[in-house]
Amino acid sequence: MKLSCIAALASVLAGCAMNQGSPASPQASSQASRTEACKQASEQEIAALFDRWNQSLQTGDPNKVVANYAERSILLPTVSNKPRMTPAEKLDYFKEFLQSRPSGKIDFRSIELGCNYAVDAGTYTFTFARTGAVVKARYTYTYRWTGSQWLITSHHSSAMPEKT
């Protein structure tokens, strides 16, 4: 009797151990995420990422702008109805966008910091040197730490719906 109880208990424990180590088990994935090293970012560091992006606009080189985006990312731009998913699609968008010589300025922002991600959302104003146009818009940038740099994983921008 004792031997069969011990065998049953060993079988249950072995099953639990196998379940814990299975990559598909929720326990295994939550354990893996707890061991991930988190990049500690400050609000100033995340705010500077917009400055980096804006400075890349000033170069006039669409490749330098696209370099701010993760390989797997989405751009939902202000002046295009088409979501841009691939680097080639983003490059196509920025080739056109940069012809107006845009320059952005943050008007209001809210930054949220997390483990290897950050969100910068608010409002900004773009001035277009070629036409003199000024466009106020809302934005959201999400960033992911790659292990060596922060890259944009999503960028949404939309013109303000009301005249100011």
N, C-alpha and C. Protein backbone atom coordinates (compact mmCIF):
# COMPACT_ATOMS: atom_id res chain seq x y z
N MET A 1 0.83 -1.19 0.00
CA MET A 1 0.00 0.00 0.00
C MET A 1 0.87 1.25 0.00
N LYS A 2 1.87 1.27 0.93
CA LYS A 2 2.76 2.43 0.98
C LYS A 2 3.50 2.61 -0.34
N LEU A 3 3.93 1.50 -0.91
CA LEU A 3 4.67 1.57 -2.16
C LEU A 3 3.80 2.14 -3.28
N SER A 4 2.53 1.77 -3.35
CA SER A 4 1.67 2.29 -4.41
C SER A 4 1.37 3.77 -4.19
N CYS A 5 1.25 4.24 -2.92
CA CYS A 5 1.05 5.67 -2.64
C CYS A 5 2.27 6.47 -3.06
N ILE A 6 3.45 5.94 -2.75
CA ILE A 6 4.69 6.63 -3.12
C ILE A 6 4.80 6.69 -4.64
N ALA A 7 4.48 5.62 -5.33
CA ALA A 7 4.54 5.59 -6.79
C ALA A 7 3.55 6.59 -7.38
N ALA A 8 2.35 6.67 -6.81
CA ALA A 8 1.34 7.61 -7.31
C ALA A 8 1.80 9.06 -7.10
N LEU A 9 2.35 9.33 -5.91
CA LEU A 9 2.84 10.67 -5.61
C LEU A 9 3.99 11.04 -6.55
N ALA A 10 4.90 10.12 -6.80
CA ALA A 10 6.03 10.37 -7.71
C ALA A 10 5.51 10.65 -9.12
N SER A 11 4.48 9.92 -9.53
CA SER A 11 3.91 10.13 -10.85
C SER A 11 3.29 11.52 -10.98
N VAL A 12 2.57 11.95 -9.95
CA VAL A 12 1.96 13.28 -9.95
C VAL A 12 3.02 14.36 -9.99
N LEU A 13 4.06 14.22 -9.15
CA LEU A 13 5.13 15.20 -9.12
C LEU A 13 5.89 15.25 -10.45
N ALA A 14 6.11 14.11 -11.06
CA ALA A 14 6.79 14.09 -12.36
C ALA A 14 5.94 14.80 -13.41
N GLY A 15 4.65 14.59 -13.37
CA GLY A 15 3.75 15.27 -14.30
C GLY A 15 3.79 16.78 -14.10
N CYS A 16 3.81 17.23 -12.86
CA CYS A 16 3.90 18.67 -12.58
C CYS A 16 5.21 19.24 -13.09
N ALA A 17 6.29 18.51 -12.88
CA ALA A 17 7.59 18.98 -13.32
C ALA A 17 7.65 19.09 -14.83
N MET A 18 7.06 18.09 -15.53
CA MET A 18 7.04 18.14 -16.99
C MET A 18 6.21 19.32 -17.47
N ASN A 19 5.09 19.59 -16.80
CA ASN A 19 4.22 20.70 -17.17
C ASN A 19 4.92 22.03 -16.97
N GLN A 20 5.71 22.16 -15.90
CA GLN A 20 6.43 23.40 -15.62
C GLN A 20 7.46 23.70 -16.70
N GLY A 21 8.10 22.68 -17.23
CA GLY A 21 9.17 22.90 -18.19
C GLY A 21 8.69 23.03 -19.62
N SER A 22 7.44 22.72 -19.87
CA SER A 22 6.92 22.77 -21.23
C SER A 22 6.84 24.20 -21.72
N PRO A 23 7.40 24.50 -22.89
CA PRO A 23 7.35 25.86 -23.42
C PRO A 23 5.93 26.36 -23.64
N ALA A 24 5.00 25.42 -23.85
CA ALA A 24 3.62 25.83 -24.10
C ALA A 24 2.86 26.12 -22.80
N SER A 25 3.42 25.72 -21.67
CA SER A 25 2.68 25.92 -20.42
C SER A 25 2.74 27.36 -19.97
N PRO A 26 1.64 27.89 -19.44
CA PRO A 26 1.63 29.27 -18.96
C PRO A 26 2.66 29.52 -17.86
N GLN A 27 2.89 28.49 -17.04
CA GLN A 27 3.86 28.67 -15.96
C GLN A 27 5.26 28.91 -16.53
N ALA A 28 5.61 28.15 -17.58
CA ALA A 28 6.95 28.29 -18.16
C ALA A 28 7.13 29.68 -18.77
N SER A 29 6.12 30.17 -19.49
CA SER A 29 6.27 31.47 -20.13
C SER A 29 6.31 32.58 -19.09
N SER A 30 5.55 32.46 -18.00
CA SER A 30 5.60 33.51 -16.98
C SER A 30 6.93 33.47 -16.25
N GLN A 31 7.50 32.27 -16.08
CA GLN A 31 8.82 32.19 -15.46
C GLN A 31 9.87 32.82 -16.37
N ALA A 32 9.77 32.58 -17.67
CA ALA A 32 10.74 33.15 -18.61
C ALA A 32 10.66 34.66 -18.60
N SER A 33 9.45 35.21 -18.55
CA SER A 33 9.33 36.66 -18.58
C SER A 33 9.85 37.29 -17.29
N ARG A 34 9.79 36.56 -16.18
CA ARG A 34 10.30 37.10 -14.93
C ARG A 34 11.82 37.14 -14.91
N THR A 35 12.47 36.34 -15.74
CA THR A 35 13.93 36.33 -15.75
C THR A 35 14.49 37.30 -16.78
N GLU A 36 13.63 37.91 -17.60
CA GLU A 36 14.07 38.87 -18.61
C GLU A 36 14.66 40.11 -17.92
N ALA A 37 15.82 40.55 -18.41
CA ALA A 37 16.44 41.75 -17.86
C ALA A 37 15.73 42.97 -18.42
N CYS A 38 15.37 43.88 -17.54
CA CYS A 38 14.64 45.08 -17.95
C CYS A 38 15.59 46.26 -18.10
N LYS A 39 15.45 46.95 -19.21
CA LYS A 39 16.18 48.20 -19.43
C LYS A 39 15.45 49.28 -18.65
N GLN A 40 16.13 49.90 -17.73
CA GLN A 40 15.54 50.99 -16.96
C GLN A 40 15.70 52.29 -17.73
N ALA A 41 14.60 52.84 -18.20
CA ALA A 41 14.63 54.09 -18.96
C ALA A 41 14.02 55.20 -18.12
N SER A 42 14.47 56.40 -18.38
CA SER A 42 13.87 57.57 -17.72
C SER A 42 12.93 58.24 -18.72
N GLU A 43 12.06 59.09 -18.22
CA GLU A 43 11.18 59.85 -19.11
C GLU A 43 12.01 60.71 -20.05
N GLN A 44 13.12 61.27 -19.58
CA GLN A 44 13.97 62.10 -20.42
C GLN A 44 14.57 61.28 -21.57
N GLU A 45 14.98 60.05 -21.27
CA GLU A 45 15.55 59.19 -22.31
C GLU A 45 14.50 58.88 -23.39
N ILE A 46 13.28 58.62 -22.97
CA ILE A 46 12.22 58.32 -23.94
C ILE A 46 11.83 59.59 -24.70
N ALA A 47 11.76 60.73 -24.02
CA ALA A 47 11.46 61.99 -24.70
C ALA A 47 12.52 62.29 -25.78
N ALA A 48 13.76 61.95 -25.51
CA ALA A 48 14.84 62.19 -26.46
C ALA A 48 14.69 61.36 -27.73
N LEU A 49 13.91 60.28 -27.68
CA LEU A 49 13.71 59.45 -28.87
C LEU A 49 12.91 60.20 -29.93
N PHE A 50 11.98 61.07 -29.51
CA PHE A 50 11.30 61.90 -30.49
C PHE A 50 12.30 62.86 -31.13
N ASP A 51 13.18 63.43 -30.32
CA ASP A 51 14.20 64.35 -30.86
C ASP A 51 15.08 63.62 -31.88
N ARG A 52 15.44 62.38 -31.58
CA ARG A 52 16.25 61.58 -32.52
C ARG A 52 15.49 61.39 -33.84
N TRP A 53 14.20 61.04 -33.73
CA TRP A 53 13.36 60.84 -34.92
C TRP A 53 13.24 62.15 -35.71
N ASN A 54 12.95 63.24 -34.99
CA ASN A 54 12.78 64.54 -35.64
C ASN A 54 14.08 64.99 -36.31
N GLN A 55 15.22 64.75 -35.68
CA GLN A 55 16.51 65.09 -36.29
C GLN A 55 16.77 64.25 -37.54
N SER A 56 16.29 63.01 -37.54
CA SER A 56 16.46 62.19 -38.75
C SER A 56 15.60 62.75 -39.89
N LEU A 57 14.46 63.37 -39.56
CA LEU A 57 13.66 64.04 -40.59
C LEU A 57 14.46 65.17 -41.22
N GLN A 58 15.18 65.92 -40.38
CA GLN A 58 15.93 67.09 -40.85
C GLN A 58 17.03 66.74 -41.83
N THR A 59 17.48 65.49 -41.82
CA THR A 59 18.53 65.09 -42.76
C THR A 59 17.99 65.00 -44.19
N GLY A 60 16.68 64.82 -44.33
CA GLY A 60 16.09 64.64 -45.65
C GLY A 60 16.28 63.24 -46.21
N ASP A 61 16.92 62.37 -45.45
CA ASP A 61 17.22 61.01 -45.89
C ASP A 61 16.18 60.04 -45.31
N PRO A 62 15.29 59.51 -46.13
CA PRO A 62 14.25 58.61 -45.61
C PRO A 62 14.82 57.35 -44.96
N ASN A 63 15.99 56.90 -45.39
CA ASN A 63 16.61 55.72 -44.78
C ASN A 63 16.95 55.98 -43.31
N LYS A 64 17.38 57.21 -43.02
CA LYS A 64 17.72 57.55 -41.63
C LYS A 64 16.46 57.60 -40.76
N VAL A 65 15.35 58.01 -41.33
CA VAL A 65 14.10 58.03 -40.58
C VAL A 65 13.64 56.60 -40.32
N VAL A 66 13.66 55.77 -41.34
CA VAL A 66 13.20 54.38 -41.21
C VAL A 66 14.07 53.60 -40.22
N ALA A 67 15.32 53.99 -40.06
CA ALA A 67 16.22 53.31 -39.12
C ALA A 67 15.73 53.43 -37.67
N ASN A 68 14.81 54.34 -37.39
CA ASN A 68 14.25 54.49 -36.04
C ASN A 68 13.19 53.43 -35.72
N TYR A 69 12.75 52.69 -36.73
CA TYR A 69 11.65 51.73 -36.58
C TYR A 69 12.17 50.31 -36.49
N ALA A 70 11.53 49.51 -35.63
CA ALA A 70 11.85 48.09 -35.55
C ALA A 70 11.46 47.41 -36.85
N GLU A 71 12.11 46.31 -37.15
CA GLU A 71 11.80 45.54 -38.36
C GLU A 71 10.30 45.21 -38.40
N ARG A 72 9.78 44.73 -37.30
CA ARG A 72 8.35 44.45 -37.18
C ARG A 72 7.71 45.62 -36.45
N SER A 73 7.16 46.54 -37.21
CA SER A 73 6.52 47.72 -36.62
C SER A 73 5.45 48.22 -37.57
N ILE A 74 4.64 49.14 -37.06
CA ILE A 74 3.58 49.73 -37.89
C ILE A 74 3.64 51.24 -37.79
N LEU A 75 3.48 51.88 -38.93
CA LEU A 75 3.37 53.33 -39.02
C LEU A 75 1.98 53.65 -39.54
N LEU A 76 1.21 54.41 -38.77
CA LEU A 76 -0.10 54.90 -39.18
C LEU A 76 0.03 56.41 -39.32
N PRO A 77 0.44 56.88 -40.50
CA PRO A 77 0.83 58.27 -40.67
C PRO A 77 -0.34 59.24 -40.80
N THR A 78 -0.04 60.50 -40.57
CA THR A 78 -1.04 61.57 -40.64
C THR A 78 -1.54 61.79 -42.06
N VAL A 79 -0.64 61.79 -43.02
CA VAL A 79 -1.01 62.20 -44.37
C VAL A 79 -1.08 61.04 -45.36
N SER A 80 -1.45 59.87 -44.88
CA SER A 80 -1.64 58.71 -45.74
C SER A 80 -2.68 57.80 -45.10
N ASN A 81 -3.53 57.22 -45.91
CA ASN A 81 -4.54 56.28 -45.40
C ASN A 81 -4.00 54.87 -45.27
N LYS A 82 -2.81 54.61 -45.81
CA LYS A 82 -2.25 53.27 -45.86
C LYS A 82 -1.36 52.98 -44.65
N PRO A 83 -1.68 51.94 -43.88
CA PRO A 83 -0.76 51.51 -42.81
C PRO A 83 0.55 51.03 -43.44
N ARG A 84 1.65 51.41 -42.86
CA ARG A 84 2.97 51.02 -43.37
C ARG A 84 3.59 50.01 -42.43
N MET A 85 3.73 48.77 -42.91
CA MET A 85 4.19 47.67 -42.06
C MET A 85 5.67 47.32 -42.29
N THR A 86 6.10 47.34 -43.52
CA THR A 86 7.47 46.90 -43.83
C THR A 86 8.41 48.10 -43.92
N PRO A 87 9.70 47.85 -43.80
CA PRO A 87 10.65 48.95 -44.00
C PRO A 87 10.49 49.60 -45.38
N ALA A 88 10.22 48.81 -46.41
CA ALA A 88 10.04 49.36 -47.76
C ALA A 88 8.83 50.27 -47.83
N GLU A 89 7.74 49.90 -47.16
CA GLU A 89 6.55 50.75 -47.15
C GLU A 89 6.80 52.05 -46.39
N LYS A 90 7.53 51.96 -45.30
CA LYS A 90 7.87 53.18 -44.54
C LYS A 90 8.79 54.07 -45.37
N LEU A 91 9.74 53.47 -46.04
CA LEU A 91 10.66 54.23 -46.89
C LEU A 91 9.87 54.96 -47.98
N ASP A 92 8.93 54.28 -48.60
CA ASP A 92 8.09 54.88 -49.62
C ASP A 92 7.34 56.10 -49.06
N TYR A 93 6.78 55.94 -47.85
CA TYR A 93 6.05 57.05 -47.23
C TYR A 93 6.98 58.23 -46.95
N PHE A 94 8.12 57.97 -46.33
CA PHE A 94 9.00 59.07 -45.93
C PHE A 94 9.66 59.75 -47.13
N LYS A 95 9.85 59.05 -48.24
CA LYS A 95 10.37 59.71 -49.44
C LYS A 95 9.44 60.86 -49.82
N GLU A 96 8.16 60.61 -49.78
CA GLU A 96 7.17 61.64 -50.12
C GLU A 96 7.06 62.70 -49.01
N PHE A 97 6.94 62.25 -47.77
CA PHE A 97 6.74 63.15 -46.64
C PHE A 97 7.89 64.15 -46.50
N LEU A 98 9.11 63.69 -46.69
CA LEU A 98 10.28 64.55 -46.49
C LEU A 98 10.42 65.64 -47.55
N GLN A 99 9.73 65.50 -48.67
CA GLN A 99 9.81 66.53 -49.72
C GLN A 99 9.27 67.87 -49.22
N SER A 100 8.38 67.85 -48.22
CA SER A 100 7.83 69.09 -47.66
C SER A 100 8.71 69.69 -46.58
N ARG A 101 9.82 69.02 -46.26
CA ARG A 101 10.77 69.48 -45.24
C ARG A 101 10.07 69.75 -43.89
N PRO A 102 9.54 68.67 -43.29
CA PRO A 102 8.82 68.81 -42.02
C PRO A 102 9.74 68.95 -40.82
N SER A 103 9.22 69.62 -39.81
CA SER A 103 9.90 69.73 -38.52
C SER A 103 8.84 69.69 -37.44
N GLY A 104 9.02 68.79 -36.47
CA GLY A 104 8.02 68.62 -35.42
C GLY A 104 8.44 69.24 -34.10
N LYS A 105 7.43 69.59 -33.31
CA LYS A 105 7.65 70.13 -31.96
C LYS A 105 6.56 69.55 -31.06
N ILE A 106 6.98 69.00 -29.93
CA ILE A 106 6.02 68.43 -28.97
C ILE A 106 5.31 69.57 -28.25
N ASP A 107 3.99 69.49 -28.18
CA ASP A 107 3.19 70.47 -27.44
C ASP A 107 2.78 69.94 -26.07
N PHE A 108 2.45 68.66 -26.02
CA PHE A 108 2.03 68.01 -24.77
C PHE A 108 2.38 66.53 -24.89
N ARG A 109 2.84 65.94 -23.79
CA ARG A 109 3.16 64.51 -23.84
C ARG A 109 2.90 63.84 -22.50
N SER A 110 2.68 62.54 -22.60
CA SER A 110 2.56 61.66 -21.44
C SER A 110 3.39 60.42 -21.76
N ILE A 111 4.31 60.07 -20.85
CA ILE A 111 5.20 58.94 -21.08
C ILE A 111 4.91 57.86 -20.05
N GLU A 112 4.82 56.63 -20.53
CA GLU A 112 4.64 55.46 -19.66
C GLU A 112 5.85 54.56 -19.85
N LEU A 113 6.44 54.10 -18.76
CA LEU A 113 7.63 53.27 -18.82
C LEU A 113 7.29 51.86 -18.36
N GLY A 114 7.88 50.87 -19.02
CA GLY A 114 7.68 49.48 -18.64
C GLY A 114 8.97 48.70 -18.82
N CYS A 115 8.86 47.40 -18.68
CA CYS A 115 10.01 46.51 -18.84
C CYS A 115 10.33 46.37 -20.33
N ASN A 116 11.35 47.05 -20.79
CA ASN A 116 11.80 47.02 -22.17
C ASN A 116 10.82 47.61 -23.17
N TYR A 117 9.87 48.38 -22.69
CA TYR A 117 8.98 49.10 -23.60
C TYR A 117 8.66 50.46 -22.99
N ALA A 118 8.23 51.37 -23.84
CA ALA A 118 7.80 52.69 -23.38
C ALA A 118 6.76 53.21 -24.36
N VAL A 119 5.89 54.08 -23.86
CA VAL A 119 4.88 54.72 -24.69
C VAL A 119 5.01 56.23 -24.49
N ASP A 120 5.07 56.95 -25.59
CA ASP A 120 5.10 58.41 -25.58
C ASP A 120 3.90 58.85 -26.41
N ALA A 121 2.93 59.50 -25.77
CA ALA A 121 1.71 59.91 -26.47
C ALA A 121 1.40 61.35 -26.12
N GLY A 122 0.82 62.07 -27.07
CA GLY A 122 0.47 63.46 -26.81
C GLY A 122 0.08 64.18 -28.08
N THR A 123 0.45 65.46 -28.12
CA THR A 123 0.17 66.28 -29.29
C THR A 123 1.46 66.94 -29.77
N TYR A 124 1.52 67.16 -31.08
CA TYR A 124 2.66 67.86 -31.64
C TYR A 124 2.22 68.74 -32.79
N THR A 125 3.11 69.65 -33.16
CA THR A 125 2.86 70.55 -34.27
C THR A 125 3.97 70.36 -35.28
N PHE A 126 3.57 70.20 -36.54
CA PHE A 126 4.53 70.11 -37.63
C PHE A 126 4.48 71.37 -38.47
N THR A 127 5.66 71.88 -38.79
CA THR A 127 5.79 72.99 -39.71
C THR A 127 6.48 72.44 -40.95
N PHE A 128 5.94 72.79 -42.11
CA PHE A 128 6.47 72.31 -43.38
C PHE A 128 7.15 73.49 -44.10
N ALA A 129 8.48 73.44 -44.16
CA ALA A 129 9.26 74.55 -44.70
C ALA A 129 8.92 74.84 -46.17
N ARG A 130 8.62 73.81 -46.93
CA ARG A 130 8.36 74.02 -48.37
C ARG A 130 7.11 74.85 -48.62
N THR A 131 6.06 74.65 -47.78
CA THR A 131 4.79 75.35 -48.01
C THR A 131 4.45 76.37 -46.93
N GLY A 132 5.13 76.25 -45.79
CA GLY A 132 4.79 77.12 -44.66
C GLY A 132 3.60 76.62 -43.86
N ALA A 133 3.03 75.50 -44.26
CA ALA A 133 1.87 74.94 -43.57
C ALA A 133 2.24 74.52 -42.15
N VAL A 134 1.28 74.67 -41.24
CA VAL A 134 1.43 74.24 -39.85
C VAL A 134 0.28 73.28 -39.56
N VAL A 135 0.62 72.08 -39.08
CA VAL A 135 -0.38 71.05 -38.81
C VAL A 135 -0.24 70.59 -37.37
N LYS A 136 -1.33 70.71 -36.63
CA LYS A 136 -1.37 70.19 -35.26
C LYS A 136 -1.93 68.78 -35.32
N ALA A 137 -1.31 67.87 -34.57
CA ALA A 137 -1.72 66.47 -34.63
C ALA A 137 -1.55 65.79 -33.29
N ARG A 138 -2.20 64.63 -33.18
CA ARG A 138 -2.03 63.75 -32.01
C ARG A 138 -1.07 62.65 -32.42
N TYR A 139 -0.35 62.10 -31.43
CA TYR A 139 0.60 61.04 -31.75
C TYR A 139 0.65 60.01 -30.64
N THR A 140 1.08 58.83 -31.01
CA THR A 140 1.47 57.78 -30.06
C THR A 140 2.65 57.05 -30.67
N TYR A 141 3.74 56.98 -29.92
CA TYR A 141 4.89 56.16 -30.27
C TYR A 141 5.00 55.07 -29.21
N THR A 142 5.16 53.83 -29.62
CA THR A 142 5.54 52.78 -28.68
C THR A 142 6.95 52.35 -29.06
N TYR A 143 7.75 52.11 -28.05
CA TYR A 143 9.15 51.75 -28.24
C TYR A 143 9.45 50.42 -27.56
N ARG A 144 10.41 49.69 -28.14
CA ARG A 144 10.90 48.45 -27.52
C ARG A 144 12.42 48.53 -27.46
N TRP A 145 12.96 48.08 -26.34
CA TRP A 145 14.41 47.99 -26.16
C TRP A 145 14.88 46.71 -26.84
N THR A 146 15.84 46.81 -27.75
CA THR A 146 16.30 45.64 -28.51
C THR A 146 17.48 44.94 -27.84
N GLY A 147 17.96 45.51 -26.78
CA GLY A 147 19.19 45.01 -26.16
C GLY A 147 20.34 45.96 -26.42
N SER A 148 20.18 46.82 -27.45
CA SER A 148 21.22 47.81 -27.75
C SER A 148 20.65 49.19 -28.03
N GLN A 149 19.35 49.28 -28.37
CA GLN A 149 18.76 50.58 -28.65
C GLN A 149 17.24 50.51 -28.55
N TRP A 150 16.63 51.67 -28.42
CA TRP A 150 15.17 51.78 -28.44
C TRP A 150 14.73 51.98 -29.89
N LEU A 151 13.75 51.20 -30.32
CA LEU A 151 13.19 51.34 -31.66
C LEU A 151 11.68 51.49 -31.58
N ILE A 152 11.12 52.18 -32.55
CA ILE A 152 9.68 52.39 -32.62
C ILE A 152 9.02 51.08 -33.08
N THR A 153 8.02 50.63 -32.33
CA THR A 153 7.26 49.45 -32.74
C THR A 153 5.89 49.84 -33.30
N SER A 154 5.38 50.98 -32.89
CA SER A 154 4.18 51.52 -33.52
C SER A 154 4.21 53.04 -33.41
N HIS A 155 3.71 53.67 -34.46
CA HIS A 155 3.68 55.13 -34.53
C HIS A 155 2.37 55.49 -35.19
N HIS A 156 1.52 56.14 -34.42
CA HIS A 156 0.23 56.61 -34.93
C HIS A 156 0.21 58.12 -34.85
N SER A 157 -0.22 58.77 -35.92
CA SER A 157 -0.32 60.21 -35.95
C SER A 157 -1.59 60.58 -36.70
N SER A 158 -2.36 61.50 -36.14
CA SER A 158 -3.58 61.95 -36.81
C SER A 158 -3.78 63.43 -36.56
N ALA A 159 -4.20 64.13 -37.61
CA ALA A 159 -4.45 65.57 -37.51
C ALA A 159 -5.55 65.81 -36.48
N MET A 160 -5.45 66.93 -35.78
CA MET A 160 -6.48 67.30 -34.81
C MET A 160 -7.83 67.46 -35.52
N PRO A 161 -8.88 66.93 -34.92
CA PRO A 161 -10.18 66.98 -35.59
C PRO A 161 -10.85 68.36 -35.52
N GLU A 162 -10.45 69.18 -34.56
CA GLU A 162 -11.07 70.50 -34.39
C GLU A 162 -10.07 71.60 -34.71
N LYS A 163 -10.53 72.66 -35.29
CA LYS A 163 -9.67 73.82 -35.55
C LYS A 163 -9.31 74.47 -34.23
N THR A 164 -8.05 74.93 -34.13
CA THR A 164 -7.63 75.60 -32.89
C THR A 164 -7.45 77.09 -33.13
